[in-house]
Amino acid sequence: MAITSAIVLFAVVWFMTFLCVLPVRLKTQGEDGKVLRGTHAGAPVDPQLKKRALITTGIAAVIWAILFWIIVWEIVTVRDFDFQNRMNPEPEVLQDY
């Protein structure tokens, strides 16, 4: 895996994780009973974005490491998803004797 691919994979995993972490333990203004004028009742009271970003980075790093390991060690490859056999056959490995 090239360095660019690894960075892009981490960015995708980070943002997907961030979107999953955002609503966890979120207290809205409507639940708090103090809706500020001009805001929606579903707006967070205290979003704690820095804390959530750090949590997201830790979780994303673990998920990224697992995916990186699976890709580098070729545990799952593109050929595993070729259910209709449309890819060319795998090239034979020549051995020196």
C-alpha atoms as a PDB file:
ATOM      1  CA  MET A   1       0.000   0.000   0.000  1.00  0.00           C
ATOM      2  CA  ALA A   2       1.385   3.373  -0.988  1.00  0.00           C
ATOM      3  CA  ILE A   3       1.642   6.209   1.544  1.00  0.00           C
ATOM      4  CA  THR A   4      -1.072   8.183  -0.258  1.00  0.00           C
ATOM      5  CA  SER A   5      -3.454   5.230  -0.131  1.00  0.00           C
ATOM      6  CA  ALA A   6      -2.761   4.778   3.575  1.00  0.00           C
ATOM      7  CA  ILE A   7      -3.467   8.459   4.291  1.00  0.00           C
ATOM      8  CA  VAL A   8      -6.693   8.415   2.273  1.00  0.00           C
ATOM      9  CA  LEU A   9      -7.815   5.220   4.018  1.00  0.00           C
ATOM     10  CA  PHE A  10      -7.144   6.813   7.414  1.00  0.00           C
ATOM     11  CA  ALA A  11      -9.074   9.960   6.444  1.00  0.00           C
ATOM     12  CA  VAL A  12     -12.091   7.938   5.308  1.00  0.00           C
ATOM     13  CA  VAL A  13     -12.034   5.790   8.448  1.00  0.00           C
ATOM     14  CA  TRP A  14     -11.584   8.873  10.654  1.00  0.00           C
ATOM     15  CA  PHE A  15     -14.577  10.731   9.198  1.00  0.00           C
ATOM     16  CA  MET A  16     -16.811   7.655   9.281  1.00  0.00           C
ATOM     17  CA  THR A  17     -15.858   7.091  12.913  1.00  0.00           C
ATOM     18  CA  PHE A  18     -16.366  10.781  13.725  1.00  0.00           C
ATOM     19  CA  LEU A  19     -19.895  10.681  12.339  1.00  0.00           C
ATOM     20  CA  CYS A  20     -20.602   7.659  14.545  1.00  0.00           C
ATOM     21  CA  VAL A  21     -19.071   9.257  17.663  1.00  0.00           C
ATOM     22  CA  LEU A  22     -20.822  12.642  17.330  1.00  0.00           C
ATOM     23  CA  PRO A  23     -24.284  11.629  18.601  1.00  0.00           C
ATOM     24  CA  VAL A  24     -23.014   9.507  21.525  1.00  0.00           C
ATOM     25  CA  ARG A  25     -24.002  11.065  24.884  1.00  0.00           C
ATOM     26  CA  LEU A  26     -25.115  14.261  23.168  1.00  0.00           C
ATOM     27  CA  LYS A  27     -27.273  16.543  25.287  1.00  0.00           C
ATOM     28  CA  THR A  28     -29.496  18.804  23.205  1.00  0.00           C
ATOM     29  CA  GLN A  29     -30.901  22.193  24.111  1.00  0.00           C
ATOM     30  CA  GLY A  30     -34.397  20.716  23.984  1.00  0.00           C
ATOM     31  CA  GLU A  31     -33.474  18.057  26.559  1.00  0.00           C
ATOM     32  CA  ASP A  32     -31.814  20.690  28.720  1.00  0.00           C
ATOM     33  CA  GLY A  33     -34.880  22.931  28.546  1.00  0.00           C
ATOM     34  CA  LYS A  34     -32.888  26.029  27.591  1.00  0.00           C
ATOM     35  CA  VAL A  35     -33.356  26.615  23.862  1.00  0.00           C
ATOM     36  CA  LEU A  36     -31.489  29.728  22.769  1.00  0.00           C
ATOM     37  CA  ARG A  37     -33.372  32.096  20.543  1.00  0.00           C
ATOM     38  CA  GLY A  38     -32.586  31.481  16.872  1.00  0.00           C
ATOM     39  CA  THR A  39     -31.337  27.911  17.372  1.00  0.00           C
ATOM     40  CA  HIS A  40     -32.972  24.539  16.897  1.00  0.00           C
ATOM     41  CA  ALA A  41     -34.043  22.482  19.902  1.00  0.00           C
ATOM     42  CA  GLY A  42     -31.820  19.665  18.617  1.00  0.00           C
ATOM     43  CA  ALA A  43     -28.683  21.802  18.780  1.00  0.00           C
ATOM     44  CA  PRO A  44     -26.143  20.519  21.293  1.00  0.00           C
ATOM     45  CA  VAL A  45     -25.631  22.300  24.604  1.00  0.00           C
ATOM     46  CA  ASP A  46     -21.917  21.481  24.749  1.00  0.00           C
ATOM     47  CA  PRO A  47     -20.654  19.615  21.646  1.00  0.00           C
ATOM     48  CA  GLN A  48     -17.175  18.829  23.135  1.00  0.00           C
ATOM     49  CA  LEU A  49     -15.657  18.578  19.660  1.00  0.00           C
ATOM     50  CA  LYS A  50     -12.027  18.421  20.843  1.00  0.00           C
ATOM     51  CA  LYS A  51     -12.784  15.473  23.151  1.00  0.00           C
ATOM     52  CA  ARG A  52     -14.780  13.720  20.441  1.00  0.00           C
ATOM     53  CA  ALA A  53     -12.011  14.293  17.878  1.00  0.00           C
ATOM     54  CA  LEU A  54      -9.436  12.704  20.205  1.00  0.00           C
ATOM     55  CA  ILE A  55     -11.695   9.717  20.868  1.00  0.00           C
ATOM     56  CA  THR A  56     -12.310   9.415  17.135  1.00  0.00           C
ATOM     57  CA  THR A  57      -8.585   9.492  16.393  1.00  0.00           C
ATOM     58  CA  GLY A  58      -7.924   6.624  18.804  1.00  0.00           C
ATOM     59  CA  ILE A  59     -10.738   4.461  17.485  1.00  0.00           C
ATOM     60  CA  ALA A  60      -9.883   5.271  13.855  1.00  0.00           C
ATOM     61  CA  ALA A  61      -6.220   4.397  14.425  1.00  0.00           C
ATOM     62  CA  VAL A  62      -7.173   0.921  15.666  1.00  0.00           C
ATOM     63  CA  ILE A  63      -9.615   0.330  12.781  1.00  0.00           C
ATOM     64  CA  TRP A  64      -7.059   1.674  10.281  1.00  0.00           C
ATOM     65  CA  ALA A  65      -4.329  -0.611  11.642  1.00  0.00           C
ATOM     66  CA  ILE A  66      -6.590  -3.651  11.247  1.00  0.00           C
ATOM     67  CA  LEU A  67      -7.533  -2.661   7.683  1.00  0.00           C
ATOM     68  CA  PHE A  68      -3.894  -1.889   6.837  1.00  0.00           C
ATOM     69  CA  TRP A  69      -2.847  -5.328   8.074  1.00  0.00           C
ATOM     70  CA  ILE A  70      -5.612  -7.032   6.063  1.00  0.00           C
ATOM     71  CA  ILE A  71      -4.639  -5.168   2.885  1.00  0.00           C
ATOM     72  CA  VAL A  72      -0.853  -5.533   3.197  1.00  0.00           C
ATOM     73  CA  TRP A  73      -0.947  -9.237   4.061  1.00  0.00           C
ATOM     74  CA  GLU A  74      -3.543  -9.791   1.309  1.00  0.00           C
ATOM     75  CA  ILE A  75      -5.975 -11.594   3.599  1.00  0.00           C
ATOM     76  CA  VAL A  76      -8.811 -10.166   1.493  1.00  0.00           C
ATOM     77  CA  THR A  77      -8.098  -9.162  -2.110  1.00  0.00           C
ATOM     78  CA  VAL A  78     -10.103  -7.778  -4.999  1.00  0.00           C
ATOM     79  CA  ARG A  79     -10.246 -11.249  -6.520  1.00  0.00           C
ATOM     80  CA  ASP A  80     -12.205 -12.436  -3.489  1.00  0.00           C
ATOM     81  CA  PHE A  81     -15.072 -10.186  -4.609  1.00  0.00           C
ATOM     82  CA  ASP A  82     -15.066 -11.419  -8.232  1.00  0.00           C
ATOM     83  CA  PHE A  83     -18.181 -13.551  -7.922  1.00  0.00           C
ATOM     84  CA  GLN A  84     -18.863 -13.668 -11.673  1.00  0.00           C
ATOM     85  CA  ASN A  85     -15.265 -14.579 -12.645  1.00  0.00           C
ATOM     86  CA  ARG A  86     -14.761 -11.523 -14.857  1.00  0.00           C
ATOM     87  CA  MET A  87     -11.151 -10.910 -13.871  1.00  0.00           C
ATOM     88  CA  ASN A  88      -8.293 -12.521 -15.708  1.00  0.00           C
ATOM     89  CA  PRO A  89      -6.909 -15.632 -14.076  1.00  0.00           C
ATOM     90  CA  GLU A  90      -4.137 -15.106 -11.584  1.00  0.00           C
ATOM     91  CA  PRO A  91      -0.668 -15.123 -13.127  1.00  0.00           C
ATOM     92  CA  GLU A  92       1.372 -18.184 -12.356  1.00  0.00           C
ATOM     93  CA  VAL A  93       4.422 -17.677 -10.210  1.00  0.00           C
ATOM     94  CA  LEU A  94       7.588 -18.909 -11.867  1.00  0.00           C
ATOM     95  CA  GLN A  95       9.954 -20.711  -9.576  1.00  0.00           C
ATOM     96  CA  ASP A  96      13.690 -20.910 -10.092  1.00  0.00           C
ATOM     97  CA  TYR A  97      15.091 -24.407  -9.697  1.00  0.00           C
END
